[in-house]
Amino acid sequence: MKKSLPAHTSAVRKILLDVACALVSSLATFVLRLDLPLPVNFAPSLVPYSILATATKLGLILWLGTWRQSWRNSSVPDLIQLLKVIIAFVVIMSGVGFVLGPANMPLPRGIPFIDGAITLLSWGGIRLLARGFHEREGHNGSHLRPVVIAGAGSAGTSLAREIQRNRSCGMRVAAFLDDDPAKLKMTILGVPVAGTLDQLGEVLDRFGASEVLIAMPSAPGSAVRLVMEQASSRRVR
């Protein structure tokens, strides 16, 4: 299958960041594994190994398409894809070390494994930072209208996550409501569970919200009616 190459500026930027992490990881591997100053028998391998390892990682990034990942929406499948890149890298570099032999590029056998682990941590780290920054930005947007979500279960959490990821919806989640005592005063995705369902009016006033979203698919009809009646009496959506 033919692989398309990245042309968009953001994709190129992500590739450059990944390559920088890959190079730094290879250099750091030598220091962590061998300490400074490097032993004289391994020091000559530092530069050629780092160049070869970084080029291999770049080739795998392009071939397996990890540059297509949306960092702000990074998830477990994205990390699994990165893990596949690292496994392929370790296999390739272990093979290269075996073929070249200690006479051409002397290396401790564990170098590719340590390099792969550090690279995976750095790649995963920058993606999680990008996602966290984006979600925090969405959560703190002062120009977005505050809403309250009735239901702090899986449905409410999924709804809140989607709102935080998509600022174009014009909303930010100010608070959750839930009747489960175990969830009261907890925070979910940085949002407080501020009260029970019958405290909707108080919570709306406290957070300056004028809209309530109901996310309780398994709740009894009486609980949904309670929320709707309170919202109707206060003329909120």
Protein backbone atom coordinates (compact mmCIF):
# COMPACT_ATOMS: atom_id res chain seq x y z
CA MET A 1 0.00 0.00 0.00
CA LYS A 2 1.35 3.38 -1.00
CA LYS A 3 2.10 5.73 1.89
CA SER A 4 1.38 9.45 1.50
CA LEU A 5 3.94 11.86 2.88
CA PRO A 6 2.98 14.78 5.16
CA ALA A 7 2.66 18.20 3.57
CA HIS A 8 0.75 20.19 6.18
CA THR A 9 2.80 22.50 8.40
CA SER A 10 1.42 21.02 11.65
CA ALA A 11 2.31 17.49 10.50
CA VAL A 12 5.86 18.55 9.64
CA ARG A 13 6.16 20.27 13.02
CA LYS A 14 5.05 17.10 14.81
CA ILE A 15 7.54 15.01 12.85
CA LEU A 16 10.37 17.40 13.73
CA LEU A 17 9.45 17.21 17.43
CA ASP A 18 9.34 13.42 17.29
CA VAL A 19 12.73 13.32 15.54
CA ALA A 20 14.22 15.68 18.13
CA CYS A 21 12.92 13.42 20.92
CA ALA A 22 14.30 10.38 19.08
CA LEU A 23 17.77 11.90 18.78
CA VAL A 24 17.90 13.09 22.39
CA SER A 25 16.71 9.66 23.56
CA SER A 26 19.51 7.91 21.65
CA LEU A 27 22.14 10.22 23.10
CA ALA A 28 20.67 9.92 26.60
CA THR A 29 20.71 6.12 26.33
CA PHE A 30 24.50 6.07 26.10
CA VAL A 31 24.85 8.31 29.15
CA LEU A 32 22.36 6.30 31.21
CA ARG A 33 23.77 2.93 30.19
CA LEU A 34 27.50 3.73 30.20
CA ASP A 35 27.87 6.87 32.36
CA LEU A 36 30.25 9.74 31.65
CA PRO A 37 32.95 9.80 30.52
CA LEU A 38 32.03 7.12 27.97
CA PRO A 39 34.32 4.07 27.93
CA VAL A 40 36.89 4.37 25.16
CA ASN A 41 35.72 1.17 23.47
CA PHE A 42 32.12 2.42 23.14
CA ALA A 43 32.61 6.19 22.65
CA PRO A 44 33.24 5.95 18.86
CA SER A 45 29.81 4.32 18.42
CA LEU A 46 27.87 7.24 19.94
CA VAL A 47 27.51 9.39 16.81
CA PRO A 48 26.97 6.67 14.18
CA TYR A 49 24.50 4.82 16.41
CA SER A 50 22.53 8.01 17.20
CA ILE A 51 22.31 8.95 13.51
CA LEU A 52 21.32 5.46 12.44
CA ALA A 53 18.81 5.04 15.28
CA THR A 54 17.19 8.44 14.61
CA ALA A 55 16.96 7.73 10.87
CA THR A 56 15.34 4.37 11.62
CA LYS A 57 12.77 5.96 13.92
CA LEU A 58 12.00 8.62 11.31
CA GLY A 59 11.51 5.97 8.64
CA LEU A 60 9.12 4.04 10.89
CA ILE A 61 7.20 7.19 11.79
CA LEU A 62 6.63 7.88 8.11
CA TRP A 63 5.92 4.27 7.18
CA LEU A 64 3.47 3.51 10.00
CA GLY A 65 1.85 6.95 9.79
CA THR A 66 2.12 8.11 13.41
CA TRP A 67 2.52 11.66 12.09
CA ARG A 68 -1.21 11.54 11.30
CA GLN A 69 -2.12 11.34 14.98
CA SER A 70 -4.02 14.24 16.50
CA TRP A 71 -1.98 15.03 19.61
CA ARG A 72 -4.78 17.01 21.26
CA ASN A 73 -6.99 13.89 21.06
CA SER A 74 -4.32 11.31 21.92
CA SER A 75 -5.69 8.05 23.29
CA VAL A 76 -4.67 4.48 24.09
CA PRO A 77 -4.82 3.34 20.40
CA ASP A 78 -2.34 6.11 19.54
CA LEU A 79 0.05 4.90 22.25
CA ILE A 80 -0.32 1.33 20.96
CA GLN A 81 0.66 2.57 17.50
CA LEU A 82 3.75 4.22 18.99
CA LEU A 83 4.57 0.97 20.77
CA LYS A 84 4.50 -0.83 17.41
CA VAL A 85 7.03 1.69 16.08
CA ILE A 86 9.30 1.05 19.05
CA ILE A 87 9.06 -2.73 18.77
CA ALA A 88 10.00 -2.53 15.10
CA PHE A 89 12.86 -0.19 15.97
CA VAL A 90 14.28 -2.52 18.61
CA VAL A 91 14.11 -5.48 16.24
CA ILE A 92 15.80 -3.54 13.43
CA MET A 93 18.56 -2.03 15.55
CA SER A 94 19.26 -5.33 17.31
CA GLY A 95 19.63 -6.90 13.88
CA VAL A 96 21.90 -4.11 12.68
CA GLY A 97 24.09 -4.49 15.75
CA PHE A 98 24.32 -8.23 15.13
CA VAL A 99 25.20 -7.80 11.43
CA LEU A 100 27.78 -5.07 11.95
CA GLY A 101 29.29 -6.84 14.94
CA PRO A 102 31.45 -5.37 17.70
CA ALA A 103 34.31 -4.76 15.29
CA ASN A 104 32.36 -2.13 13.30
CA MET A 105 30.02 -0.66 15.93
CA PRO A 106 30.63 -1.91 19.46
CA LEU A 107 27.44 -1.60 21.54
CA PRO A 108 26.09 -3.13 24.72
CA ARG A 109 23.19 -5.38 23.75
CA GLY A 110 20.73 -3.48 25.90
CA ILE A 111 21.20 -0.14 24.11
CA PRO A 112 18.34 -0.53 21.57
CA PHE A 113 15.93 -1.66 24.32
CA ILE A 114 16.75 1.29 26.59
CA ASP A 115 16.66 3.67 23.64
CA GLY A 116 13.25 2.36 22.62
CA ALA A 117 11.85 2.72 26.15
CA ILE A 118 13.08 6.32 26.52
CA THR A 119 11.79 7.24 23.08
CA LEU A 120 8.37 5.79 23.84
CA LEU A 121 8.18 7.74 27.10
CA SER A 122 9.18 11.00 25.40
CA TRP A 123 6.78 10.54 22.47
CA GLY A 124 3.93 9.58 24.76
CA GLY A 125 4.76 12.43 27.11
CA ILE A 126 4.58 15.22 24.54
CA ARG A 127 1.27 13.86 23.23
CA LEU A 128 -0.25 13.73 26.70
CA LEU A 129 0.99 17.26 27.39
CA ALA A 130 -0.60 18.48 24.17
CA ARG A 131 -3.88 16.80 25.06
CA GLY A 132 -3.80 18.11 28.63
CA PHE A 133 -3.08 21.67 27.49
CA HIS A 134 -5.91 21.55 24.96
CA GLU A 135 -8.42 20.18 27.47
CA ARG A 136 -7.36 22.68 30.12
CA GLU A 137 -7.70 25.49 27.61
CA GLY A 138 -11.21 24.30 26.81
CA HIS A 139 -12.06 24.00 30.50
CA ASN A 140 -10.85 27.49 31.40
CA GLY A 141 -12.25 29.38 28.39
CA SER A 142 -13.84 32.47 29.95
CA HIS A 143 -15.63 33.37 26.70
CA LEU A 144 -17.47 30.02 26.62
CA ARG A 145 -20.92 29.71 28.18
CA PRO A 146 -20.95 27.58 31.36
CA VAL A 147 -23.18 24.51 31.45
CA VAL A 148 -24.06 21.98 34.13
CA ILE A 149 -24.23 18.26 33.38
CA ALA A 150 -26.80 16.20 35.25
CA GLY A 151 -25.16 12.82 35.69
CA ALA A 152 -21.53 12.15 36.60
CA GLY A 153 -21.41 8.59 35.30
CA SER A 154 -19.79 7.30 32.13
CA ALA A 155 -22.25 9.14 29.87
CA GLY A 156 -21.71 12.46 31.65
CA THR A 157 -17.95 11.99 31.64
CA SER A 158 -17.93 11.22 27.90
CA LEU A 159 -20.07 14.28 27.21
CA ALA A 160 -17.80 16.52 29.29
CA ARG A 161 -14.71 15.18 27.56
CA GLU A 162 -16.22 15.86 24.15
CA ILE A 163 -17.14 19.43 25.15
CA GLN A 164 -13.63 20.08 26.48
CA ARG A 165 -12.08 18.78 23.26
CA ASN A 166 -14.33 20.75 20.92
CA ARG A 167 -14.30 24.41 21.85
CA SER A 168 -16.25 25.21 18.69
CA CYS A 169 -19.40 24.08 20.52
CA GLY A 170 -19.14 27.29 22.56
CA MET A 171 -19.57 25.57 25.93
CA ARG A 172 -17.49 24.75 28.98
CA VAL A 173 -18.55 22.33 31.70
CA ALA A 174 -18.84 24.21 34.99
CA ALA A 175 -20.15 21.43 37.22
CA PHE A 176 -21.72 17.99 37.48
CA LEU A 177 -24.79 16.95 39.45
CA ASP A 178 -25.26 13.41 40.76
CA ASP A 179 -27.21 11.68 43.51
CA ASP A 180 -24.47 9.14 44.21
CA PRO A 181 -22.99 10.11 47.62
CA ALA A 182 -19.65 8.60 46.63
CA LYS A 183 -19.27 11.10 43.78
CA LEU A 184 -20.24 14.26 45.66
CA LYS A 185 -17.33 16.69 46.06
CA MET A 186 -15.23 14.66 43.63
CA THR A 187 -13.71 16.23 40.52
CA ILE A 188 -14.02 14.57 37.11
CA LEU A 189 -11.85 15.87 34.26
CA GLY A 190 -11.12 18.85 36.50
CA VAL A 191 -14.85 19.60 36.97
CA PRO A 192 -16.47 19.38 40.43
CA VAL A 193 -19.48 17.25 41.26
CA ALA A 194 -21.14 20.22 42.96
CA GLY A 195 -24.39 18.78 44.28
CA THR A 196 -27.33 16.44 43.92
CA LEU A 197 -30.01 16.61 41.25
CA ASP A 198 -32.44 18.52 43.48
CA GLN A 199 -29.79 21.22 44.00
CA LEU A 200 -29.81 22.23 40.33
CA GLY A 201 -30.99 25.79 40.99
CA GLU A 202 -28.35 26.42 43.63
CA VAL A 203 -25.58 25.04 41.42
CA LEU A 204 -26.72 27.07 38.41
CA ASP A 205 -26.57 30.25 40.49
CA ARG A 206 -23.20 29.37 42.01
CA PHE A 207 -21.52 28.79 38.64
CA GLY A 208 -23.43 31.37 36.61
CA ALA A 209 -24.78 28.72 34.26
CA SER A 210 -28.04 28.96 32.32
CA GLU A 211 -28.02 25.58 30.62
CA VAL A 212 -28.23 22.00 31.89
CA LEU A 213 -27.36 18.89 29.89
CA ILE A 214 -28.91 15.59 30.98
CA ALA A 215 -26.61 12.57 30.69
CA MET A 216 -28.35 9.84 32.69
CA PRO A 217 -29.31 7.03 30.29
CA SER A 218 -29.91 4.49 33.06
CA ALA A 219 -31.57 6.82 35.58
CA PRO A 220 -35.26 6.34 36.48
CA GLY A 221 -37.78 8.60 34.82
CA SER A 222 -38.44 10.38 38.12
CA ALA A 223 -34.83 11.62 38.25
CA VAL A 224 -34.99 12.98 34.71
CA ARG A 225 -38.35 14.66 35.43
CA LEU A 226 -36.89 16.25 38.56
CA VAL A 227 -34.13 17.88 36.55
CA MET A 228 -36.48 18.97 33.76
CA GLU A 229 -39.00 20.47 36.18
CA GLN A 230 -36.32 22.49 37.97
CA ALA A 231 -34.86 23.66 34.66
CA SER A 232 -38.33 24.61 33.39
CA SER A 233 -39.16 26.56 36.54
CA ARG A 234 -35.97 28.59 36.14
CA ARG A 235 -36.42 28.91 32.38
CA VAL A 236 -33.03 27.40 31.60
CA ARG A 237 -32.34 25.14 28.67
